[in-house]
Structure formats: C-alpha cells, structure tokens
Amino acid sequence: MKERTLVGLIADEGMVKGFQMTGLVFDKKNPNFHMVTPTTSDEQLEQLFEELVVRPDIAIVFVGDFVAERIKTSMGRWRALVPTVLAIPTKTGCH
C-alpha cells in the first residue's frame, strides 16, 4: 500500500487554485483536487467524497463548507481516522 502523502480537496475554484499555489501535489492522472460549484449535483458531490476517502494515498480531505452542508450525511458516516475529513470555510460557502 502506498504511503498517504496527498491532500484531497472538494471546493470552489478559488480554494482549489489557492491550494495549488501552496505547492501541494496535484495528481493529474488521478485528481485529488476537485473544483465544484453550488450547482454541482448532490450525487456528484457524494461521489467525489467517496472516491477521495477510499484512496490509499490520501491523508486528509478538505471539504468546502457549502459542499459539507450538502453531504453532511456522508461526512457523518465517515468514522476512520485516516484520511481525516475537515470542512473548511470558503468565499461562496455558508461560513
């Protein structure tokens, strides 16, 4: 099993670009950063979340607050310590 060295992110464009500018690794073959909007369907958000939390290379998953509000059931079911899942504030979110 690969080491957990990547950060996962589901958030708006500004947050994704900000994370990329910090120098965090973005895996182009198997994306770990997902840019979404308030119009992204709940089903798509759930799918992105599920894809990130089961990956063996992800150590932490940051979820924009407007996404977290819509997938709180899935986030609430996540009980594993790794990857850690955290909701973070965004400009487009509910703060």
PDB file of N, CA and C in Angstrom:
ATOM      1  N   MET A   1       0.842  -1.185   0.000  1.00  0.00           N
ATOM      2  CA  MET A   1       0.000   0.000   0.000  1.00  0.00           C
ATOM      3  C   MET A   1       0.887   1.248   0.000  1.00  0.00           C
ATOM      4  N   LYS A   2       0.535   2.209  -0.815  1.00  0.00           N
ATOM      5  CA  LYS A   2       1.286   3.451  -0.902  1.00  0.00           C
ATOM      6  C   LYS A   2       1.130   4.255   0.386  1.00  0.00           C
ATOM      7  N   GLU A   3       2.124   5.087   0.648  1.00  0.00           N
ATOM      8  CA  GLU A   3       2.021   5.998   1.778  1.00  0.00           C
ATOM      9  C   GLU A   3       0.943   7.037   1.512  1.00  0.00           C
ATOM     10  N   ARG A   4       0.331   7.479   2.570  1.00  0.00           N
ATOM     11  CA  ARG A   4      -0.681   8.535   2.454  1.00  0.00           C
ATOM     12  C   ARG A   4       0.051   9.873   2.454  1.00  0.00           C
ATOM     13  N   THR A   5       0.277  10.416   1.286  1.00  0.00           N
ATOM     14  CA  THR A   5       1.057  11.647   1.174  1.00  0.00           C
ATOM     15  C   THR A   5       0.299  12.795   0.521  1.00  0.00           C
ATOM     16  N   LEU A   6      -0.902  12.547   0.047  1.00  0.00           N
ATOM     17  CA  LEU A   6      -1.647  13.582  -0.676  1.00  0.00           C
ATOM     18  C   LEU A   6      -2.773  14.166   0.160  1.00  0.00           C
ATOM     19  N   VAL A   7      -3.127  15.384  -0.196  1.00  0.00           N
ATOM     20  CA  VAL A   7      -4.280  16.070   0.365  1.00  0.00           C
ATOM     21  C   VAL A   7      -5.385  15.986  -0.671  1.00  0.00           C
ATOM     22  N   GLY A   8      -6.606  15.709  -0.228  1.00  0.00           N
ATOM     23  CA  GLY A   8      -7.770  15.738  -1.104  1.00  0.00           C
ATOM     24  C   GLY A   8      -8.550  17.019  -0.845  1.00  0.00           C
ATOM     25  N   LEU A   9      -9.204  17.528  -1.855  1.00  0.00           N
ATOM     26  CA  LEU A   9      -9.944  18.775  -1.724  1.00  0.00           C
ATOM     27  C   LEU A   9     -11.169  18.758  -2.623  1.00  0.00           C
ATOM     28  N   ILE A  10     -12.299  19.163  -2.053  1.00  0.00           N
ATOM     29  CA  ILE A  10     -13.524  19.382  -2.816  1.00  0.00           C
ATOM     30  C   ILE A  10     -13.991  20.779  -2.443  1.00  0.00           C
ATOM     31  N   ALA A  11     -13.853  21.730  -3.374  1.00  0.00           N
ATOM     32  CA  ALA A  11     -14.182  23.117  -3.046  1.00  0.00           C
ATOM     33  C   ALA A  11     -14.368  23.938  -4.321  1.00  0.00           C
ATOM     34  N   ASP A  12     -14.577  25.238  -4.127  1.00  0.00           N
ATOM     35  CA  ASP A  12     -14.774  26.139  -5.259  1.00  0.00           C
ATOM     36  C   ASP A  12     -13.443  26.466  -5.941  1.00  0.00           C
ATOM     37  N   GLU A  13     -13.529  27.129  -7.060  1.00  0.00           N
ATOM     38  CA  GLU A  13     -12.352  27.425  -7.875  1.00  0.00           C
ATOM     39  C   GLU A  13     -11.272  28.186  -7.098  1.00  0.00           C
ATOM     40  N   GLY A  14     -11.663  29.198  -6.342  1.00  0.00           N
ATOM     41  CA  GLY A  14     -10.690  29.989  -5.593  1.00  0.00           C
ATOM     42  C   GLY A  14      -9.914  29.160  -4.587  1.00  0.00           C
ATOM     43  N   MET A  15     -10.608  28.282  -3.903  1.00  0.00           N
ATOM     44  CA  MET A  15      -9.954  27.436  -2.900  1.00  0.00           C
ATOM     45  C   MET A  15      -9.018  26.433  -3.571  1.00  0.00           C
ATOM     46  N   VAL A  16      -9.459  25.820  -4.654  1.00  0.00           N
ATOM     47  CA  VAL A  16      -8.621  24.853  -5.362  1.00  0.00           C
ATOM     48  C   VAL A  16      -7.353  25.534  -5.881  1.00  0.00           C
ATOM     49  N   LYS A  17      -7.506  26.698  -6.498  1.00  0.00           N
ATOM     50  CA  LYS A  17      -6.328  27.417  -7.008  1.00  0.00           C
ATOM     51  C   LYS A  17      -5.400  27.826  -5.872  1.00  0.00           C
ATOM     52  N   GLY A  18      -5.964  28.234  -4.759  1.00  0.00           N
ATOM     53  CA  GLY A  18      -5.152  28.592  -3.590  1.00  0.00           C
ATOM     54  C   GLY A  18      -4.343  27.414  -3.073  1.00  0.00           C
ATOM     55  N   PHE A  19      -4.967  26.253  -2.986  1.00  0.00           N
ATOM     56  CA  PHE A  19      -4.256  25.053  -2.538  1.00  0.00           C
ATOM     57  C   PHE A  19      -3.157  24.689  -3.528  1.00  0.00           C
ATOM     58  N   GLN A  20      -3.422  24.818  -4.819  1.00  0.00           N
ATOM     59  CA  GLN A  20      -2.408  24.507  -5.821  1.00  0.00           C
ATOM     60  C   GLN A  20      -1.226  25.461  -5.710  1.00  0.00           C
ATOM     61  N   MET A  21      -1.487  26.718  -5.398  1.00  0.00           N
ATOM     62  CA  MET A  21      -0.408  27.702  -5.289  1.00  0.00           C
ATOM     63  C   MET A  21       0.494  27.447  -4.088  1.00  0.00           C
ATOM     64  N   THR A  22       0.008  26.710  -3.085  1.00  0.00           N
ATOM     65  CA  THR A  22       0.848  26.410  -1.922  1.00  0.00           C
ATOM     66  C   THR A  22       1.914  25.384  -2.256  1.00  0.00           C
ATOM     67  N   GLY A  23       1.763  24.724  -3.393  1.00  0.00           N
ATOM     68  CA  GLY A  23       2.740  23.715  -3.775  1.00  0.00           C
ATOM     69  C   GLY A  23       2.324  22.297  -3.421  1.00  0.00           C
ATOM     70  N   LEU A  24       1.120  22.127  -2.892  1.00  0.00           N
ATOM     71  CA  LEU A  24       0.644  20.773  -2.612  1.00  0.00           C
ATOM     72  C   LEU A  24       0.551  19.985  -3.916  1.00  0.00           C
ATOM     73  N   VAL A  25       0.825  18.712  -3.819  1.00  0.00           N
ATOM     74  CA  VAL A  25       0.855  17.857  -5.008  1.00  0.00           C
ATOM     75  C   VAL A  25      -0.550  17.652  -5.554  1.00  0.00           C
ATOM     76  N   PHE A  26      -0.687  17.891  -6.853  1.00  0.00           N
ATOM     77  CA  PHE A  26      -1.931  17.636  -7.571  1.00  0.00           C
ATOM     78  C   PHE A  26      -1.651  16.491  -8.533  1.00  0.00           C
ATOM     79  N   ASP A  27      -2.342  15.381  -8.359  1.00  0.00           N
ATOM     80  CA  ASP A  27      -2.155  14.199  -9.199  1.00  0.00           C
ATOM     81  C   ASP A  27      -3.045  14.330 -10.429  1.00  0.00           C
ATOM     82  N   LYS A  28      -2.445  14.597 -11.586  1.00  0.00           N
ATOM     83  CA  LYS A  28      -3.220  14.812 -12.805  1.00  0.00           C
ATOM     84  C   LYS A  28      -3.854  13.528 -13.336  1.00  0.00           C
ATOM     85  N   LYS A  29      -3.216  12.380 -13.104  1.00  0.00           N
ATOM     86  CA  LYS A  29      -3.762  11.111 -13.587  1.00  0.00           C
ATOM     87  C   LYS A  29      -4.952  10.656 -12.750  1.00  0.00           C
ATOM     88  N   ASN A  30      -4.906  10.930 -11.470  1.00  0.00           N
ATOM     89  CA  ASN A  30      -5.966  10.532 -10.542  1.00  0.00           C
ATOM     90  C   ASN A  30      -6.220  11.736  -9.627  1.00  0.00           C
ATOM     91  N   PRO A  31      -6.992  12.728 -10.099  1.00  0.00           N
ATOM     92  CA  PRO A  31      -7.104  14.011  -9.400  1.00  0.00           C
ATOM     93  C   PRO A  31      -7.499  13.891  -7.927  1.00  0.00           C
ATOM     94  N   ASN A  32      -6.794  14.663  -7.113  1.00  0.00           N
ATOM     95  CA  ASN A  32      -7.102  14.729  -5.692  1.00  0.00           C
ATOM     96  C   ASN A  32      -7.714  16.078  -5.315  1.00  0.00           C
ATOM     97  N   PHE A  33      -7.734  17.045  -6.249  1.00  0.00           N
ATOM     98  CA  PHE A  33      -8.406  18.323  -6.053  1.00  0.00           C
ATOM     99  C   PHE A  33      -9.582  18.366  -7.019  1.00  0.00           C
ATOM    100  N   HIS A  34     -10.761  18.664  -6.483  1.00  0.00           N
ATOM    101  CA  HIS A  34     -11.957  18.713  -7.324  1.00  0.00           C
ATOM    102  C   HIS A  34     -12.622  20.079  -7.188  1.00  0.00           C
ATOM    103  N   MET A  35     -12.724  20.781  -8.310  1.00  0.00           N
ATOM    104  CA  MET A  35     -13.351  22.085  -8.361  1.00  0.00           C
ATOM    105  C   MET A  35     -14.848  21.895  -8.616  1.00  0.00           C
ATOM    106  N   VAL A  36     -15.671  22.419  -7.698  1.00  0.00           N
ATOM    107  CA  VAL A  36     -17.120  22.288  -7.828  1.00  0.00           C
ATOM    108  C   VAL A  36     -17.762  23.661  -7.639  1.00  0.00           C
ATOM    109  N   THR A  37     -19.038  23.732  -7.959  1.00  0.00           N
ATOM    110  CA  THR A  37     -19.796  24.973  -7.795  1.00  0.00           C
ATOM    111  C   THR A  37     -21.065  24.664  -7.003  1.00  0.00           C
ATOM    112  N   PRO A  38     -21.760  25.700  -6.557  1.00  0.00           N
ATOM    113  CA  PRO A  38     -23.025  25.450  -5.862  1.00  0.00           C
ATOM    114  C   PRO A  38     -24.051  24.714  -6.730  1.00  0.00           C
ATOM    115  N   THR A  39     -23.866  24.699  -8.054  1.00  0.00           N
ATOM    116  CA  THR A  39     -24.804  23.993  -8.925  1.00  0.00           C
ATOM    117  C   THR A  39     -24.401  22.541  -9.190  1.00  0.00           C
ATOM    118  N   THR A  40     -23.241  22.115  -8.681  1.00  0.00           N
ATOM    119  CA  THR A  40     -22.845  20.711  -8.813  1.00  0.00           C
ATOM    120  C   THR A  40     -23.875  19.864  -8.066  1.00  0.00           C
ATOM    121  N   SER A  41     -24.319  18.776  -8.669  1.00  0.00           N
ATOM    122  CA  SER A  41     -25.378  17.967  -8.049  1.00  0.00           C
ATOM    123  C   SER A  41     -24.889  17.289  -6.770  1.00  0.00           C
ATOM    124  N   ASP A  42     -25.831  17.038  -5.878  1.00  0.00           N
ATOM    125  CA  ASP A  42     -25.513  16.332  -4.634  1.00  0.00           C
ATOM    126  C   ASP A  42     -24.914  14.960  -4.927  1.00  0.00           C
ATOM    127  N   GLU A  43     -25.416  14.301  -5.953  1.00  0.00           N
ATOM    128  CA  GLU A  43     -24.902  12.973  -6.308  1.00  0.00           C
ATOM    129  C   GLU A  43     -23.435  13.048  -6.715  1.00  0.00           C
ATOM    130  N   GLN A  44     -23.076  14.064  -7.490  1.00  0.00           N
ATOM    131  CA  GLN A  44     -21.683  14.242  -7.900  1.00  0.00           C
ATOM    132  C   GLN A  44     -20.796  14.542  -6.690  1.00  0.00           C
ATOM    133  N   LEU A  45     -21.285  15.375  -5.781  1.00  0.00           N
ATOM    134  CA  LEU A  45     -20.519  15.710  -4.582  1.00  0.00           C
ATOM    135  C   LEU A  45     -20.286  14.469  -3.729  1.00  0.00           C
ATOM    136  N   GLU A  46     -21.335  13.677  -3.549  1.00  0.00           N
ATOM    137  CA  GLU A  46     -21.211  12.432  -2.777  1.00  0.00           C
ATOM    138  C   GLU A  46     -20.187  11.502  -3.427  1.00  0.00           C
ATOM    139  N   GLN A  47     -20.251  11.389  -4.743  1.00  0.00           N
ATOM    140  CA  GLN A  47     -19.337  10.505  -5.459  1.00  0.00           C
ATOM    141  C   GLN A  47     -17.886  10.964  -5.308  1.00  0.00           C
ATOM    142  N   LEU A  48     -17.642  12.248  -5.441  1.00  0.00           N
ATOM    143  CA  LEU A  48     -16.292  12.777  -5.279  1.00  0.00           C
ATOM    144  C   LEU A  48     -15.763  12.507  -3.874  1.00  0.00           C
ATOM    145  N   PHE A  49     -16.615  12.723  -2.876  1.00  0.00           N
ATOM    146  CA  PHE A  49     -16.221  12.479  -1.485  1.00  0.00           C
ATOM    147  C   PHE A  49     -15.865  11.007  -1.281  1.00  0.00           C
ATOM    148  N   GLU A  50     -16.730  10.126  -1.728  1.00  0.00           N
ATOM    149  CA  GLU A  50     -16.483   8.698  -1.563  1.00  0.00           C
ATOM    150  C   GLU A  50     -15.207   8.264  -2.277  1.00  0.00           C
ATOM    151  N   GLU A  51     -14.954   8.813  -3.461  1.00  0.00           N
ATOM    152  CA  GLU A  51     -13.737   8.464  -4.197  1.00  0.00           C
ATOM    153  C   GLU A  51     -12.481   8.887  -3.434  1.00  0.00           C
ATOM    154  N   LEU A  52     -12.512  10.057  -2.811  1.00  0.00           N
ATOM    155  CA  LEU A  52     -11.335  10.536  -2.097  1.00  0.00           C
ATOM    156  C   LEU A  52     -11.072   9.770  -0.803  1.00  0.00           C
ATOM    157  N   VAL A  53     -12.111   9.496  -0.029  1.00  0.00           N
ATOM    158  CA  VAL A  53     -11.868   8.881   1.289  1.00  0.00           C
ATOM    159  C   VAL A  53     -11.407   7.432   1.211  1.00  0.00           C
ATOM    160  N   VAL A  54     -11.652   6.768   0.091  1.00  0.00           N
ATOM    161  CA  VAL A  54     -11.202   5.366  -0.010  1.00  0.00           C
ATOM    162  C   VAL A  54      -9.820   5.238  -0.649  1.00  0.00           C
ATOM    163  N   ARG A  55      -9.270   6.319  -1.125  1.00  0.00           N
ATOM    164  CA  ARG A  55      -7.955   6.259  -1.773  1.00  0.00           C
ATOM    165  C   ARG A  55      -6.848   6.014  -0.745  1.00  0.00           C
ATOM    166  N   PRO A  56      -5.958   5.098  -1.019  1.00  0.00           N
ATOM    167  CA  PRO A  56      -4.889   4.784  -0.067  1.00  0.00           C
ATOM    168  C   PRO A  56      -3.764   5.812  -0.026  1.00  0.00           C
ATOM    169  N   ASP A  57      -3.778   6.784  -0.944  1.00  0.00           N
ATOM    170  CA  ASP A  57      -2.718   7.790  -0.972  1.00  0.00           C
ATOM    171  C   ASP A  57      -3.143   9.132  -0.375  1.00  0.00           C
ATOM    172  N   ILE A  58      -4.380   9.239   0.100  1.00  0.00           N
ATOM    173  CA  ILE A  58      -4.906  10.489   0.658  1.00  0.00           C
ATOM    174  C   ILE A  58      -4.811  10.442   2.188  1.00  0.00           C
ATOM    175  N   ALA A  59      -4.195  11.492   2.771  1.00  0.00           N
ATOM    176  CA  ALA A  59      -4.044  11.576   4.224  1.00  0.00           C
ATOM    177  C   ALA A  59      -5.133  12.434   4.870  1.00  0.00           C
ATOM    178  N   ILE A  60      -5.583  13.457   4.154  1.00  0.00           N
ATOM    179  CA  ILE A  60      -6.596  14.371   4.689  1.00  0.00           C
ATOM    180  C   ILE A  60      -7.463  14.861   3.536  1.00  0.00           C
ATOM    181  N   VAL A  61      -8.747  15.025   3.804  1.00  0.00           N
ATOM    182  CA  VAL A  61      -9.679  15.527   2.790  1.00  0.00           C
ATOM    183  C   VAL A  61     -10.305  16.811   3.328  1.00  0.00           C
ATOM    184  N   PHE A  62     -10.062  17.903   2.640  1.00  0.00           N
ATOM    185  CA  PHE A  62     -10.696  19.180   2.968  1.00  0.00           C
ATOM    186  C   PHE A  62     -11.934  19.323   2.093  1.00  0.00           C
ATOM    187  N   VAL A  63     -13.034  19.728   2.722  1.00  0.00           N
ATOM    188  CA  VAL A  63     -14.301  19.875   2.023  1.00  0.00           C
ATOM    189  C   VAL A  63     -14.801  21.296   2.254  1.00  0.00           C
ATOM    190  N   GLY A  64     -15.037  22.042   1.165  1.00  0.00           N
ATOM    191  CA  GLY A  64     -15.575  23.394   1.287  1.00  0.00           C
ATOM    192  C   GLY A  64     -16.888  23.380   2.051  1.00  0.00           C
ATOM    193  N   ASP A  65     -17.131  24.422   2.844  1.00  0.00           N
ATOM    194  CA  ASP A  65     -18.315  24.428   3.716  1.00  0.00           C
ATOM    195  C   ASP A  65     -19.630  24.287   2.965  1.00  0.00           C
ATOM    196  N   PHE A  66     -19.745  24.871   1.771  1.00  0.00           N
ATOM    197  CA  PHE A  66     -21.001  24.738   1.036  1.00  0.00           C
ATOM    198  C   PHE A  66     -21.198  23.299   0.539  1.00  0.00           C
ATOM    199  N   VAL A  67     -20.091  22.585   0.313  1.00  0.00           N
ATOM    200  CA  VAL A  67     -20.168  21.164  -0.048  1.00  0.00           C
ATOM    201  C   VAL A  67     -20.509  20.352   1.196  1.00  0.00           C
ATOM    202  N   ALA A  68     -19.826  20.625   2.292  1.00  0.00           N
ATOM    203  CA  ALA A  68     -20.039  19.887   3.541  1.00  0.00           C
ATOM    204  C   ALA A  68     -21.498  19.946   3.985  1.00  0.00           C
ATOM    205  N   GLU A  69     -22.113  21.101   3.804  1.00  0.00           N
ATOM    206  CA  GLU A  69     -23.521  21.256   4.186  1.00  0.00           C
ATOM    207  C   GLU A  69     -24.412  20.299   3.386  1.00  0.00           C
ATOM    208  N   ARG A  70     -24.052  20.063   2.147  1.00  0.00           N
ATOM    209  CA  ARG A  70     -24.880  19.225   1.275  1.00  0.00           C
ATOM    210  C   ARG A  70     -24.573  17.740   1.392  1.00  0.00           C
ATOM    211  N   ILE A  71     -23.387  17.380   1.887  1.00  0.00           N
ATOM    212  CA  ILE A  71     -23.052  15.952   2.012  1.00  0.00           C
ATOM    213  C   ILE A  71     -22.799  15.575   3.472  1.00  0.00           C
ATOM    214  N   LYS A  72     -23.429  16.292   4.391  1.00  0.00           N
ATOM    215  CA  LYS A  72     -23.170  16.050   5.813  1.00  0.00           C
ATOM    216  C   LYS A  72     -23.505  14.629   6.244  1.00  0.00           C
ATOM    217  N   THR A  73     -24.447  13.983   5.601  1.00  0.00           N
ATOM    218  CA  THR A  73     -24.760  12.601   5.957  1.00  0.00           C
ATOM    219  C   THR A  73     -23.573  11.693   5.663  1.00  0.00           C
ATOM    220  N   SER A  74     -23.004  11.822   4.475  1.00  0.00           N
ATOM    221  CA  SER A  74     -21.829  11.012   4.122  1.00  0.00           C
ATOM    222  C   SER A  74     -20.645  11.345   5.014  1.00  0.00           C
ATOM    223  N   MET A  75     -20.434  12.621   5.255  1.00  0.00           N
ATOM    224  CA  MET A  75     -19.325  13.011   6.122  1.00  0.00           C
ATOM    225  C   MET A  75     -19.538  12.483   7.537  1.00  0.00           C
ATOM    226  N   GLY A  76     -20.771  12.488   7.994  1.00  0.00           N
ATOM    227  CA  GLY A  76     -21.076  11.984   9.326  1.00  0.00           C
ATOM    228  C   GLY A  76     -20.868  10.486   9.471  1.00  0.00           C
ATOM    229  N   ARG A  77     -21.014   9.764   8.369  1.00  0.00           N
ATOM    230  CA  ARG A  77     -20.797   8.310   8.399  1.00  0.00           C
ATOM    231  C   ARG A  77     -19.323   7.947   8.406  1.00  0.00           C
ATOM    232  N   TRP A  78     -18.453   8.875   8.004  1.00  0.00           N
ATOM    233  CA  TRP A  78     -17.033   8.584   7.923  1.00  0.00           C
ATOM    234  C   TRP A  78     -16.450   8.530   9.327  1.00  0.00           C
ATOM    235  N   ARG A  79     -16.005   7.372   9.756  1.00  0.00           N
ATOM    236  CA  ARG A  79     -15.526   7.153  11.115  1.00  0.00           C
ATOM    237  C   ARG A  79     -14.025   6.894  11.213  1.00  0.00           C
ATOM    238  N   ALA A  80     -13.377   6.627  10.101  1.00  0.00           N
ATOM    239  CA  ALA A  80     -11.946   6.322  10.136  1.00  0.00           C
ATOM    240  C   ALA A  80     -11.142   7.574  10.492  1.00  0.00           C
ATOM    241  N   LEU A  81     -10.014   7.350  11.139  1.00  0.00           N
ATOM    242  CA  LEU A  81      -9.132   8.462  11.465  1.00  0.00           C
ATOM    243  C   LEU A  81      -8.361   8.959  10.253  1.00  0.00           C
ATOM    244  N   VAL A  82      -8.076   8.042   9.341  1.00  0.00           N
ATOM    245  CA  VAL A  82      -7.321   8.379   8.138  1.00  0.00           C
ATOM    246  C   VAL A  82      -8.080   7.888   6.931  1.00  0.00           C
ATOM    247  N   PRO A  83      -8.341   8.701   5.947  1.00  0.00           N
ATOM    248  CA  PRO A  83      -7.987  10.103   5.953  1.00  0.00           C
ATOM    249  C   PRO A  83      -8.898  10.913   6.868  1.00  0.00           C
ATOM    250  N   THR A  84      -8.319  11.926   7.444  1.00  0.00           N
ATOM    251  CA  THR A  84      -9.080  12.860   8.258  1.00  0.00           C
ATOM    252  C   THR A  84      -9.917  13.721   7.317  1.00  0.00           C
ATOM    253  N   VAL A  85     -11.142  14.010   7.719  1.00  0.00           N
ATOM    254  CA  VAL A  85     -12.044  14.818   6.893  1.00  0.00           C
ATOM    255  C   VAL A  85     -12.374  16.104   7.646  1.00  0.00           C
ATOM    256  N   LEU A  86     -12.132  17.248   7.007  1.00  0.00           N
ATOM    257  CA  LEU A  86     -12.379  18.539   7.631  1.00  0.00           C
ATOM    258  C   LEU A  86     -13.144  19.463   6.691  1.00  0.00           C
ATOM    259  N   ALA A  87     -14.181  20.114   7.227  1.00  0.00           N
ATOM    260  CA  ALA A  87     -14.888  21.148   6.474  1.00  0.00           C
ATOM    261  C   ALA A  87     -14.125  22.457   6.678  1.00  0.00           C
ATOM    262  N   ILE A  88     -13.961  23.223   5.591  1.00  0.00           N
ATOM    263  CA  ILE A  88     -13.230  24.496   5.670  1.00  0.00           C
ATOM    264  C   ILE A  88     -14.087  25.607   5.073  1.00  0.00           C
ATOM    265  N   PRO A  89     -13.964  26.829   5.600  1.00  0.00           N
ATOM    266  CA  PRO A  89     -14.752  27.935   5.058  1.00  0.00           C
ATOM    267  C   PRO A  89     -14.278  28.355   3.676  1.00  0.00           C
ATOM    268  N   THR A  90     -15.226  28.764   2.843  1.00  0.00           N
ATOM    269  CA  THR A  90     -14.920  29.260   1.505  1.00  0.00           C
ATOM    270  C   THR A  90     -15.650  30.590   1.306  1.00  0.00           C
ATOM    271  N   LYS A  91     -15.258  31.318   0.263  1.00  0.00           N
ATOM    272  CA  LYS A  91     -15.923  32.596  -0.039  1.00  0.00           C
ATOM    273  C   LYS A  91     -17.374  32.372  -0.458  1.00  0.00           C
ATOM    274  N   THR A  92     -17.650  31.266  -1.140  1.00  0.00           N
ATOM    275  CA  THR A  92     -19.010  31.019  -1.615  1.00  0.00           C
ATOM    276  C   THR A  92     -19.845  30.245  -0.602  1.00  0.00           C
ATOM    277  N   GLY A  93     -19.272  29.894   0.509  1.00  0.00           N
ATOM    278  CA  GLY A  93     -19.927  28.999   1.466  1.00  0.00           C
ATOM    279  C   GLY A  93     -20.831  29.674   2.455  1.00  0.00           C
ATOM    280  N   CYS A  94     -21.197  28.869   3.430  1.00  0.00           N
ATOM    281  CA  CYS A  94     -22.176  29.304   4.432  1.00  0.00           C
ATOM    282  C   CYS A  94     -21.527  29.813   5.710  1.00  0.00           C
ATOM    283  N   HIS A  95     -20.213  29.766   5.799  1.00  0.00           N
ATOM    284  CA  HIS A  95     -19.408  30.242   6.930  1.00  0.00           C
ATOM    285  C   HIS A  95     -19.991  29.757   8.216  1.00  0.00           C
TER     286      HIS A  95
END
